[in-house]
PDB file of all heavy atoms in Angstrom:
ATOM      1  N   MET A   1     130.004 112.171 101.654  1.00  0.00           N
ATOM      2  CA  MET A   1     131.181 111.344 101.579  1.00  0.00           C
ATOM      3  C   MET A   1     131.074 110.292 100.478  1.00  0.00           C
ATOM      4  O   MET A   1     132.031 109.998  99.821  1.00  0.00           O
ATOM      5  CB  MET A   1     131.428 110.611 102.904  1.00  0.00           C
ATOM      6  CG  MET A   1     132.041 111.480 103.960  1.00  0.00           C
ATOM      7  SD  MET A   1     133.655 111.972 103.489  1.00  0.00           S
ATOM      8  CE  MET A   1     134.518 111.556 104.923  1.00  0.00           C
ATOM      9  N   THR A   2     129.917 109.753 100.310  1.00  0.00           N
ATOM     10  CA  THR A   2     129.731 108.713  99.317  1.00  0.00           C
ATOM     11  C   THR A   2     129.959 109.270  97.914  1.00  0.00           C
ATOM     12  O   THR A   2     130.573 108.609  97.084  1.00  0.00           O
ATOM     13  CB  THR A   2     128.309 108.132  99.408  1.00  0.00           C
ATOM     14  OG1 THR A   2     128.048 107.772 100.753  1.00  0.00           O
ATOM     15  CG2 THR A   2     128.167 106.932  98.523  1.00  0.00           C
ATOM     16  N   ALA A   3     129.496 110.477  97.610  1.00  0.00           N
ATOM     17  CA  ALA A   3     129.686 111.085  96.292  1.00  0.00           C
ATOM     18  C   ALA A   3     131.163 111.306  96.020  1.00  0.00           C
ATOM     19  O   ALA A   3     131.632 111.104  94.899  1.00  0.00           O
ATOM     20  CB  ALA A   3     128.910 112.387  96.202  1.00  0.00           C
ATOM     21  N   ILE A   4     131.923 111.725  97.014  1.00  0.00           N
ATOM     22  CA  ILE A   4     133.367 111.922  96.844  1.00  0.00           C
ATOM     23  C   ILE A   4     134.058 110.594  96.582  1.00  0.00           C
ATOM     24  O   ILE A   4     134.930 110.496  95.712  1.00  0.00           O
ATOM     25  CB  ILE A   4     133.964 112.627  98.086  1.00  0.00           C
ATOM     26  CG1 ILE A   4     133.400 114.037  98.179  1.00  0.00           C
ATOM     27  CG2 ILE A   4     135.472 112.646  98.005  1.00  0.00           C
ATOM     28  CD1 ILE A   4     133.798 114.765  99.439  1.00  0.00           C
ATOM     29  N   ALA A   5     133.668 109.562  97.293  1.00  0.00           N
ATOM     30  CA  ALA A   5     134.263 108.243  97.089  1.00  0.00           C
ATOM     31  C   ALA A   5     133.966 107.721  95.693  1.00  0.00           C
ATOM     32  O   ALA A   5     134.821 107.122  95.029  1.00  0.00           O
ATOM     33  CB  ALA A   5     133.756 107.274  98.140  1.00  0.00           C
ATOM     34  N   VAL A   6     132.746 107.955  95.201  1.00  0.00           N
ATOM     35  CA  VAL A   6     132.379 107.508  93.851  1.00  0.00           C
ATOM     36  C   VAL A   6     133.190 108.263  92.803  1.00  0.00           C
ATOM     37  O   VAL A   6     133.685 107.674  91.840  1.00  0.00           O
ATOM     38  CB  VAL A   6     130.861 107.694  93.624  1.00  0.00           C
ATOM     39  CG1 VAL A   6     130.493 107.494  92.159  1.00  0.00           C
ATOM     40  CG2 VAL A   6     130.075 106.743  94.510  1.00  0.00           C
ATOM     41  N   GLN A   7     133.354 109.580  92.990  1.00  0.00           N
ATOM     42  CA  GLN A   7     134.146 110.379  92.052  1.00  0.00           C
ATOM     43  C   GLN A   7     135.606 109.925  92.045  1.00  0.00           C
ATOM     44  O   GLN A   7     136.227 109.822  90.983  1.00  0.00           O
ATOM     45  CB  GLN A   7     134.065 111.877  92.422  1.00  0.00           C
ATOM     46  CG  GLN A   7     132.746 112.516  92.101  1.00  0.00           C
ATOM     47  CD  GLN A   7     132.534 112.620  90.594  1.00  0.00           C
ATOM     48  OE1 GLN A   7     133.465 112.598  89.810  1.00  0.00           O
ATOM     49  NE2 GLN A   7     131.271 112.731  90.204  1.00  0.00           N
ATOM     50  N   ALA A   8     136.144 109.685  93.214  1.00  0.00           N
ATOM     51  CA  ALA A   8     137.539 109.229  93.304  1.00  0.00           C
ATOM     52  C   ALA A   8     137.702 107.872  92.641  1.00  0.00           C
ATOM     53  O   ALA A   8     138.691 107.624  91.941  1.00  0.00           O
ATOM     54  CB  ALA A   8     137.976 109.168  94.767  1.00  0.00           C
ATOM     55  N   GLN A   9     136.755 106.988  92.859  1.00  0.00           N
ATOM     56  CA  GLN A   9     136.814 105.655  92.253  1.00  0.00           C
ATOM     57  C   GLN A   9     136.727 105.752  90.735  1.00  0.00           C
ATOM     58  O   GLN A   9     137.428 105.042  90.024  1.00  0.00           O
ATOM     59  CB  GLN A   9     135.667 104.797  92.802  1.00  0.00           C
ATOM     60  CG  GLN A   9     135.821 103.341  92.520  1.00  0.00           C
ATOM     61  CD  GLN A   9     136.963 102.729  93.325  1.00  0.00           C
ATOM     62  OE1 GLN A   9     137.753 103.391  93.977  1.00  0.00           O
ATOM     63  NE2 GLN A   9     137.046 101.430  93.254  1.00  0.00           N
ATOM     64  N   ARG A  10     135.894 106.654  90.213  1.00  0.00           N
ATOM     65  CA  ARG A  10     135.757 106.838  88.776  1.00  0.00           C
ATOM     66  C   ARG A  10     137.059 107.366  88.169  1.00  0.00           C
ATOM     67  O   ARG A  10     137.487 106.930  87.113  1.00  0.00           O
ATOM     68  CB  ARG A  10     134.613 107.799  88.473  1.00  0.00           C
ATOM     69  CG  ARG A  10     134.299 107.859  86.985  1.00  0.00           C
ATOM     70  CD  ARG A  10     133.169 108.786  86.661  1.00  0.00           C
ATOM     71  NE  ARG A  10     131.973 108.438  87.433  1.00  0.00           N
ATOM     72  CZ  ARG A  10     131.023 109.300  87.745  1.00  0.00           C
ATOM     73  NH1 ARG A  10     131.125 110.559  87.362  1.00  0.00           N
ATOM     74  NH2 ARG A  10     129.971 108.928  88.422  1.00  0.00           N
ATOM     75  N   LEU A  11     137.716 108.327  88.842  1.00  0.00           N
ATOM     76  CA  LEU A  11     138.982 108.854  88.351  1.00  0.00           C
ATOM     77  C   LEU A  11     140.074 107.797  88.360  1.00  0.00           C
ATOM     78  O   LEU A  11     140.889 107.721  87.444  1.00  0.00           O
ATOM     79  CB  LEU A  11     139.408 110.068  89.172  1.00  0.00           C
ATOM     80  CG  LEU A  11     138.587 111.335  88.948  1.00  0.00           C
ATOM     81  CD1 LEU A  11     139.019 112.417  89.921  1.00  0.00           C
ATOM     82  CD2 LEU A  11     138.757 111.824  87.523  1.00  0.00           C
ATOM     83  N   LEU A  12     140.117 107.001  89.393  1.00  0.00           N
ATOM     84  CA  LEU A  12     141.117 105.943  89.461  1.00  0.00           C
ATOM     85  C   LEU A  12     140.841 104.850  88.436  1.00  0.00           C
ATOM     86  O   LEU A  12     141.764 104.236  87.907  1.00  0.00           O
ATOM     87  CB  LEU A  12     141.164 105.335  90.868  1.00  0.00           C
ATOM     88  CG  LEU A  12     141.766 106.229  91.954  1.00  0.00           C
ATOM     89  CD1 LEU A  12     141.641 105.553  93.310  1.00  0.00           C
ATOM     90  CD2 LEU A  12     143.210 106.548  91.644  1.00  0.00           C
ATOM     91  N   GLY A  13     139.593 104.601  88.126  1.00  0.00           N
ATOM     92  CA  GLY A  13     139.228 103.572  87.166  1.00  0.00           C
ATOM     93  C   GLY A  13     139.597 103.945  85.742  1.00  0.00           C
ATOM     94  O   GLY A  13     139.729 103.079  84.887  1.00  0.00           O
ATOM     95  N   GLN A  14     139.782 105.228  85.452  1.00  0.00           N
ATOM     96  CA  GLN A  14     140.100 105.652  84.096  1.00  0.00           C
ATOM     97  C   GLN A  14     141.590 105.555  83.784  1.00  0.00           C
ATOM     98  O   GLN A  14     141.981 105.703  82.644  1.00  0.00           O
ATOM     99  CB  GLN A  14     139.635 107.088  83.870  1.00  0.00           C
ATOM    100  CG  GLN A  14     138.134 107.216  83.798  1.00  0.00           C
ATOM    101  CD  GLN A  14     137.726 108.649  83.576  1.00  0.00           C
ATOM    102  OE1 GLN A  14     138.537 109.561  83.618  1.00  0.00           O
ATOM    103  NE2 GLN A  14     136.441 108.851  83.335  1.00  0.00           N
ATOM    104  N   ARG A  15     142.402 105.325  84.769  1.00  0.00           N
ATOM    105  CA  ARG A  15     143.843 105.230  84.521  1.00  0.00           C
ATOM    106  C   ARG A  15     144.177 103.975  83.737  1.00  0.00           C
ATOM    107  O   ARG A  15     143.585 102.933  83.914  1.00  0.00           O
ATOM    108  CB  ARG A  15     144.598 105.176  85.852  1.00  0.00           C
ATOM    109  CG  ARG A  15     144.870 106.499  86.420  1.00  0.00           C
ATOM    110  CD  ARG A  15     145.945 106.344  87.460  1.00  0.00           C
ATOM    111  NE  ARG A  15     145.853 107.437  88.396  1.00  0.00           N
ATOM    112  CZ  ARG A  15     146.354 107.404  89.592  1.00  0.00           C
ATOM    113  NH1 ARG A  15     146.959 106.342  90.020  1.00  0.00           N
ATOM    114  NH2 ARG A  15     146.253 108.438  90.364  1.00  0.00           N
ATOM    115  N   ARG A  16     145.161 104.107  82.917  1.00  0.00           N
ATOM    116  CA  ARG A  16     145.649 102.983  82.140  1.00  0.00           C
ATOM    117  C   ARG A  16     146.534 102.121  83.044  1.00  0.00           C
ATOM    118  O   ARG A  16     147.349 102.630  83.800  1.00  0.00           O
ATOM    119  CB  ARG A  16     146.457 103.521  80.956  1.00  0.00           C
ATOM    120  CG  ARG A  16     146.932 102.498  80.030  1.00  0.00           C
ATOM    121  CD  ARG A  16     147.578 103.086  78.788  1.00  0.00           C
ATOM    122  NE  ARG A  16     148.381 104.252  79.048  1.00  0.00           N
ATOM    123  CZ  ARG A  16     148.188 105.421  78.460  1.00  0.00           C
ATOM    124  NH1 ARG A  16     147.213 105.580  77.623  1.00  0.00           N
ATOM    125  NH2 ARG A  16     148.971 106.422  78.714  1.00  0.00           N
ATOM    126  N   PRO A  17     146.377 100.807  82.973  1.00  0.00           N
ATOM    127  CA  PRO A  17     147.236  99.964  83.803  1.00  0.00           C
ATOM    128  C   PRO A  17     148.694 100.137  83.400  1.00  0.00           C
ATOM    129  O   PRO A  17     149.012 100.255  82.217  1.00  0.00           O
ATOM    130  CB  PRO A  17     146.757  98.544  83.515  1.00  0.00           C
ATOM    131  CG  PRO A  17     145.738  98.629  82.456  1.00  0.00           C
ATOM    132  CD  PRO A  17     145.456 100.055  82.169  1.00  0.00           C
ATOM    133  N   ARG A  18     149.565 100.118  84.372  1.00  0.00           N
ATOM    134  CA  ARG A  18     150.996 100.287  84.099  1.00  0.00           C
ATOM    135  C   ARG A  18     151.570  98.983  83.577  1.00  0.00           C
ATOM    136  O   ARG A  18     151.191  97.908  83.986  1.00  0.00           O
ATOM    137  CB  ARG A  18     151.719 100.716  85.368  1.00  0.00           C
ATOM    138  CG  ARG A  18     151.173 102.047  85.849  1.00  0.00           C
ATOM    139  CD  ARG A  18     152.114 102.883  86.636  1.00  0.00           C
ATOM    140  NE  ARG A  18     153.481 102.904  86.273  1.00  0.00           N
ATOM    141  CZ  ARG A  18     154.062 103.839  85.542  1.00  0.00           C
ATOM    142  NH1 ARG A  18     153.350 104.823  85.047  1.00  0.00           N
ATOM    143  NH2 ARG A  18     155.333 103.801  85.291  1.00  0.00           N
ATOM    144  N   ARG A  19     152.503  99.130  82.653  1.00  0.00           N
ATOM    145  CA  ARG A  19     153.157  97.949  82.115  1.00  0.00           C
ATOM    146  C   ARG A  19     154.188  97.435  83.100  1.00  0.00           C
ATOM    147  O   ARG A  19     154.763  98.194  83.866  1.00  0.00           O
ATOM    148  CB  ARG A  19     153.840  98.291  80.800  1.00  0.00           C
ATOM    149  CG  ARG A  19     152.863  98.356  79.674  1.00  0.00           C
ATOM    150  CD  ARG A  19     153.568  98.524  78.385  1.00  0.00           C
ATOM    151  NE  ARG A  19     153.739  99.960  78.205  1.00  0.00           N
ATOM    152  CZ  ARG A  19     154.642 100.505  77.429  1.00  0.00           C
ATOM    153  NH1 ARG A  19     155.468  99.771  76.766  1.00  0.00           N
ATOM    154  NH2 ARG A  19     154.727 101.796  77.304  1.00  0.00           N
ATOM    155  N   SER A  20     154.441  96.145  83.015  1.00  0.00           N
ATOM    156  CA  SER A  20     155.440  95.544  83.897  1.00  0.00           C
ATOM    157  C   SER A  20     156.836  95.981  83.462  1.00  0.00           C
ATOM    158  O   SER A  20     157.056  96.405  82.326  1.00  0.00           O
ATOM    159  CB  SER A  20     155.329  94.022  83.851  1.00  0.00           C
ATOM    160  OG  SER A  20     155.738  93.544  82.577  1.00  0.00           O
ATOM    161  N   PHE A  21     157.759  95.831  84.375  1.00  0.00           N
ATOM    162  CA  PHE A  21     159.157  96.168  84.079  1.00  0.00           C
ATOM    163  C   PHE A  21     159.677  95.290  82.947  1.00  0.00           C
ATOM    164  O   PHE A  21     160.376  95.758  82.053  1.00  0.00           O
ATOM    165  CB  PHE A  21     160.029  95.992  85.329  1.00  0.00           C
ATOM    166  CG  PHE A  21     161.492  96.085  85.037  1.00  0.00           C
ATOM    167  CD1 PHE A  21     162.082  97.324  84.828  1.00  0.00           C
ATOM    168  CD2 PHE A  21     162.278  94.943  84.938  1.00  0.00           C
ATOM    169  CE1 PHE A  21     163.434  97.422  84.532  1.00  0.00           C
ATOM    170  CE2 PHE A  21     163.619  95.037  84.645  1.00  0.00           C
ATOM    171  CZ  PHE A  21     164.205  96.279  84.451  1.00  0.00           C
ATOM    172  N   PHE A  22     159.322  94.024  82.975  1.00  0.00           N
ATOM    173  CA  PHE A  22     159.802  93.087  81.962  1.00  0.00           C
ATOM    174  C   PHE A  22     159.332  93.488  80.566  1.00  0.00           C
ATOM    175  O   PHE A  22     160.109  93.483  79.619  1.00  0.00           O
ATOM    176  CB  PHE A  22     159.342  91.670  82.308  1.00  0.00           C
ATOM    177  CG  PHE A  22     159.866  90.635  81.381  1.00  0.00           C
ATOM    178  CD1 PHE A  22     161.201  90.300  81.383  1.00  0.00           C
ATOM    179  CD2 PHE A  22     159.020  89.995  80.476  1.00  0.00           C
ATOM    180  CE1 PHE A  22     161.701  89.346  80.512  1.00  0.00           C
ATOM    181  CE2 PHE A  22     159.501  89.044  79.611  1.00  0.00           C
ATOM    182  CZ  PHE A  22     160.841  88.707  79.629  1.00  0.00           C
ATOM    183  N   GLU A  23     158.066  93.853  80.437  1.00  0.00           N
ATOM    184  CA  GLU A  23     157.544  94.266  79.128  1.00  0.00           C
ATOM    185  C   GLU A  23     158.226  95.543  78.643  1.00  0.00           C
ATOM    186  O   GLU A  23     158.608  95.653  77.477  1.00  0.00           O
ATOM    187  CB  GLU A  23     156.032  94.474  79.197  1.00  0.00           C
ATOM    188  CG  GLU A  23     155.435  94.875  77.866  1.00  0.00           C
ATOM    189  CD  GLU A  23     153.963  95.191  77.947  1.00  0.00           C
ATOM    190  OE1 GLU A  23     153.325  94.898  78.972  1.00  0.00           O
ATOM    191  OE2 GLU A  23     153.451  95.761  76.967  1.00  0.00           O
ATOM    192  N   SER A  24     158.390  96.502  79.532  1.00  0.00           N
ATOM    193  CA  SER A  24     159.076  97.749  79.153  1.00  0.00           C
ATOM    194  C   SER A  24     160.517  97.483  78.752  1.00  0.00           C
ATOM    195  O   SER A  24     161.025  98.073  77.791  1.00  0.00           O
ATOM    196  CB  SER A  24     159.039  98.739  80.315  1.00  0.00           C
ATOM    197  OG  SER A  24     157.717  99.103  80.600  1.00  0.00           O
ATOM    198  N   PHE A  25     161.169  96.589  79.475  1.00  0.00           N
ATOM    199  CA  PHE A  25     162.561  96.250  79.161  1.00  0.00           C
ATOM    200  C   PHE A  25     162.662  95.595  77.787  1.00  0.00           C
ATOM    201  O   PHE A  25     163.543  95.939  76.993  1.00  0.00           O
ATOM    202  CB  PHE A  25     163.126  95.322  80.244  1.00  0.00           C
ATOM    203  CG  PHE A  25     164.517  94.857  79.958  1.00  0.00           C
ATOM    204  CD1 PHE A  25     165.590  95.726  80.085  1.00  0.00           C
ATOM    205  CD2 PHE A  25     164.755  93.548  79.555  1.00  0.00           C
ATOM    206  CE1 PHE A  25     166.880  95.297  79.811  1.00  0.00           C
ATOM    207  CE2 PHE A  25     166.034  93.116  79.282  1.00  0.00           C
ATOM    208  CZ  PHE A  25     167.103  93.992  79.413  1.00  0.00           C
ATOM    209  N   ILE A  26     161.762  94.657  77.493  1.00  0.00           N
ATOM    210  CA  ILE A  26     161.779  93.967  76.195  1.00  0.00           C
ATOM    211  C   ILE A  26     161.522  94.951  75.059  1.00  0.00           C
ATOM    212  O   ILE A  26     162.204  94.934  74.028  1.00  0.00           O
ATOM    213  CB  ILE A  26     160.742  92.826  76.165  1.00  0.00           C
ATOM    214  CG1 ILE A  26     161.123  91.736  77.152  1.00  0.00           C
ATOM    215  CG2 ILE A  26     160.570  92.256  74.767  1.00  0.00           C
ATOM    216  CD1 ILE A  26     162.408  91.012  76.831  1.00  0.00           C
ATOM    217  N   ARG A  27     160.557  95.851  75.242  1.00  0.00           N
ATOM    218  CA  ARG A  27     160.259  96.835  74.198  1.00  0.00           C
ATOM    219  C   ARG A  27     161.445  97.789  73.985  1.00  0.00           C
ATOM    220  O   ARG A  27     161.763  98.147  72.853  1.00  0.00           O
ATOM    221  CB  ARG A  27     158.987  97.609  74.541  1.00  0.00           C
ATOM    222  CG  ARG A  27     157.732  96.763  74.385  1.00  0.00           C
ATOM    223  CD  ARG A  27     156.480  97.543  74.752  1.00  0.00           C
ATOM    224  NE  ARG A  27     155.304  96.701  74.710  1.00  0.00           N
ATOM    225  CZ  ARG A  27     154.485  96.598  73.678  1.00  0.00           C
ATOM    226  NH1 ARG A  27     154.718  97.292  72.590  1.00  0.00           N
ATOM    227  NH2 ARG A  27     153.432  95.809  73.736  1.00  0.00           N
ATOM    228  N   THR A  28     162.105  98.176  75.065  1.00  0.00           N
ATOM    229  CA  THR A  28     163.288  99.030  74.948  1.00  0.00           C
ATOM    230  C   THR A  28     164.414  98.294  74.239  1.00  0.00           C
ATOM    231  O   THR A  28     165.127  98.874  73.406  1.00  0.00           O
ATOM    232  CB  THR A  28     163.742  99.495  76.347  1.00  0.00           C
ATOM    233  OG1 THR A  28     162.659 100.173  76.979  1.00  0.00           O
ATOM    234  CG2 THR A  28     164.935 100.413  76.258  1.00  0.00           C
ATOM    235  N   LEU A  29     164.579  97.024  74.537  1.00  0.00           N
ATOM    236  CA  LEU A  29     165.613  96.216  73.882  1.00  0.00           C
ATOM    237  C   LEU A  29     165.333  96.070  72.391  1.00  0.00           C
ATOM    238  O   LEU A  29     166.254  96.158  71.572  1.00  0.00           O
ATOM    239  CB  LEU A  29     165.672  94.845  74.558  1.00  0.00           C
ATOM    240  CG  LEU A  29     166.854  93.958  74.238  1.00  0.00           C
ATOM    241  CD1 LEU A  29     168.148  94.646  74.658  1.00  0.00           C
ATOM    242  CD2 LEU A  29     166.712  92.637  74.957  1.00  0.00           C
ATOM    243  N   ILE A  30     164.072  95.885  72.015  1.00  0.00           N
ATOM    244  CA  ILE A  30     163.711  95.791  70.599  1.00  0.00           C
ATOM    245  C   ILE A  30     164.027  97.097  69.882  1.00  0.00           C
ATOM    246  O   ILE A  30     164.589  97.103  68.780  1.00  0.00           O
ATOM    247  CB  ILE A  30     162.223  95.405  70.448  1.00  0.00           C
ATOM    248  CG1 ILE A  30     162.013  93.945  70.865  1.00  0.00           C
ATOM    249  CG2 ILE A  30     161.724  95.630  69.025  1.00  0.00           C
ATOM    250  CD1 ILE A  30     160.567  93.530  70.985  1.00  0.00           C
ATOM    251  N   ILE A  31     163.699  98.223  70.506  1.00  0.00           N
ATOM    252  CA  ILE A  31     163.984  99.523  69.896  1.00  0.00           C
ATOM    253  C   ILE A  31     165.485  99.733  69.744  1.00  0.00           C
ATOM    254  O   ILE A  31     165.963 100.200  68.699  1.00  0.00           O
ATOM    255  CB  ILE A  31     163.337 100.658  70.719  1.00  0.00           C
ATOM    256  CG1 ILE A  31     161.813 100.613  70.558  1.00  0.00           C
ATOM    257  CG2 ILE A  31     163.876 102.016  70.313  1.00  0.00           C
ATOM    258  CD1 ILE A  31     161.071 101.542  71.496  1.00  0.00           C
ATOM    259  N   THR A  32     166.258  99.360  70.758  1.00  0.00           N
ATOM    260  CA  THR A  32     167.708  99.529  70.705  1.00  0.00           C
ATOM    261  C   THR A  32     168.334  98.664  69.609  1.00  0.00           C
ATOM    262  O   THR A  32     169.184  99.128  68.844  1.00  0.00           O
ATOM    263  CB  THR A  32     168.334  99.181  72.068  1.00  0.00           C
ATOM    264  OG1 THR A  32     167.720  99.980  73.079  1.00  0.00           O
ATOM    265  CG2 THR A  32     169.826  99.411  72.067  1.00  0.00           C
ATOM    266  N   CYS A  33     167.894  97.422  69.511  1.00  0.00           N
ATOM    267  CA  CYS A  33     168.427  96.533  68.469  1.00  0.00           C
ATOM    268  C   CYS A  33     168.007  96.985  67.073  1.00  0.00           C
ATOM    269  O   CYS A  33     168.777  96.861  66.117  1.00  0.00           O
ATOM    270  CB  CYS A  33     167.981  95.103  68.728  1.00  0.00           C
ATOM    271  SG  CYS A  33     168.783  94.352  70.144  1.00  0.00           S
ATOM    272  N   ALA A  34     166.795  97.504  66.947  1.00  0.00           N
ATOM    273  CA  ALA A  34     166.353  98.026  65.649  1.00  0.00           C
ATOM    274  C   ALA A  34     167.183  99.243  65.243  1.00  0.00           C
ATOM    275  O   ALA A  34     167.542  99.397  64.074  1.00  0.00           O
ATOM    276  CB  ALA A  34     164.873  98.374  65.688  1.00  0.00           C
ATOM    277  N   ALA A  35     167.507 100.093  66.222  1.00  0.00           N
ATOM    278  CA  ALA A  35     168.353 101.250  65.925  1.00  0.00           C
ATOM    279  C   ALA A  35     169.748 100.803  65.488  1.00  0.00           C
ATOM    280  O   ALA A  35     170.332 101.363  64.548  1.00  0.00           O
ATOM    281  CB  ALA A  35     168.441 102.160  67.141  1.00  0.00           C
ATOM    282  N   LEU A  36     170.285  99.783  66.152  1.00  0.00           N
ATOM    283  CA  LEU A  36     171.588  99.235  65.759  1.00  0.00           C
ATOM    284  C   LEU A  36     171.534  98.674  64.340  1.00  0.00           C
ATOM    285  O   LEU A  36     172.460  98.884  63.541  1.00  0.00           O
ATOM    286  CB  LEU A  36     172.015  98.151  66.749  1.00  0.00           C
ATOM    287  CG  LEU A  36     173.308  97.413  66.421  1.00  0.00           C
ATOM    288  CD1 LEU A  36     174.489  98.368  66.499  1.00  0.00           C
ATOM    289  CD2 LEU A  36     173.502  96.241  67.357  1.00  0.00           C
ATOM    290  N   ALA A  37     170.449  97.989  63.998  1.00  0.00           N
ATOM    291  CA  ALA A  37     170.297  97.439  62.653  1.00  0.00           C
ATOM    292  C   ALA A  37     170.226  98.544  61.601  1.00  0.00           C
ATOM    293  O   ALA A  37     170.805  98.417  60.520  1.00  0.00           O
ATOM    294  CB  ALA A  37     169.048  96.564  62.585  1.00  0.00           C
ATOM    295  N   VAL A  38     169.541  99.644  61.918  1.00  0.00           N
ATOM    296  CA  VAL A  38     169.463 100.771  60.984  1.00  0.00           C
ATOM    297  C   VAL A  38     170.852 101.362  60.746  1.00  0.00           C
ATOM    298  O   VAL A  38     171.240 101.638  59.611  1.00  0.00           O
ATOM    299  CB  VAL A  38     168.483 101.850  61.507  1.00  0.00           C
ATOM    300  CG1 VAL A  38     168.627 103.141  60.733  1.00  0.00           C
ATOM    301  CG2 VAL A  38     167.055 101.352  61.424  1.00  0.00           C
ATOM    302  N   VAL A  39     171.627 101.513  61.808  1.00  0.00           N
ATOM    303  CA  VAL A  39     172.982 102.059  61.669  1.00  0.00           C
ATOM    304  C   VAL A  39     173.856 101.114  60.846  1.00  0.00           C
ATOM    305  O   VAL A  39     174.554 101.544  59.919  1.00  0.00           O
ATOM    306  CB  VAL A  39     173.605 102.328  63.054  1.00  0.00           C
ATOM    307  CG1 VAL A  39     175.075 102.650  62.935  1.00  0.00           C
ATOM    308  CG2 VAL A  39     172.874 103.460  63.758  1.00  0.00           C
ATOM    309  N   LEU A  40     173.831  99.820  61.155  1.00  0.00           N
ATOM    310  CA  LEU A  40     174.635  98.857  60.398  1.00  0.00           C
ATOM    311  C   LEU A  40     174.262  98.845  58.921  1.00  0.00           C
ATOM    312  O   LEU A  40     175.130  98.851  58.049  1.00  0.00           O
ATOM    313  CB  LEU A  40     174.452  97.448  60.978  1.00  0.00           C
ATOM    314  CG  LEU A  40     175.167  97.118  62.267  1.00  0.00           C
ATOM    315  CD1 LEU A  40     174.765  95.732  62.754  1.00  0.00           C
ATOM    316  CD2 LEU A  40     176.660  97.204  62.097  1.00  0.00           C
ATOM    317  N   SER A  41     172.979  98.846  58.641  1.00  0.00           N
ATOM    318  CA  SER A  41     172.527  98.794  57.259  1.00  0.00           C
ATOM    319  C   SER A  41     172.884 100.067  56.495  1.00  0.00           C
ATOM    320  O   SER A  41     173.331 100.001  55.355  1.00  0.00           O
ATOM    321  CB  SER A  41     171.022  98.558  57.216  1.00  0.00           C
ATOM    322  OG  SER A  41     170.595  98.373  55.896  1.00  0.00           O
ATOM    323  N   SER A  42     172.703 101.215  57.132  1.00  0.00           N
ATOM    324  CA  SER A  42     173.013 102.467  56.426  1.00  0.00           C
ATOM    325  C   SER A  42     174.507 102.608  56.166  1.00  0.00           C
ATOM    326  O   SER A  42     174.907 103.039  55.083  1.00  0.00           O
ATOM    327  CB  SER A  42     172.466 103.665  57.194  1.00  0.00           C
ATOM    328  OG  SER A  42     173.050 103.753  58.467  1.00  0.00           O
ATOM    329  N   VAL A  43     175.341 102.215  57.111  1.00  0.00           N
ATOM    330  CA  VAL A  43     176.797 102.265  56.894  1.00  0.00           C
ATOM    331  C   VAL A  43     177.190 101.303  55.792  1.00  0.00           C
ATOM    332  O   VAL A  43     178.005 101.620  54.919  1.00  0.00           O
ATOM    333  CB  VAL A  43     177.551 101.957  58.213  1.00  0.00           C
ATOM    334  CG1 VAL A  43     179.010 101.685  57.953  1.00  0.00           C
ATOM    335  CG2 VAL A  43     177.395 103.106  59.191  1.00  0.00           C
TER     336      VAL A  43
END
C-alpha cells in the first residue's frame, strides 16, 4: 500500500498548478483586445 501511495503522490506532484479564473480572464481579455487592435489597424 505504501508503494502505491508514493506513486500516486508522485503523479499528483507533477501536475502543473491550475491558473485562477481571474488570471485566465485577464489573459483572454488581453488577447481579445489585441485582436481588435489588429483589425482596426489593418482596416
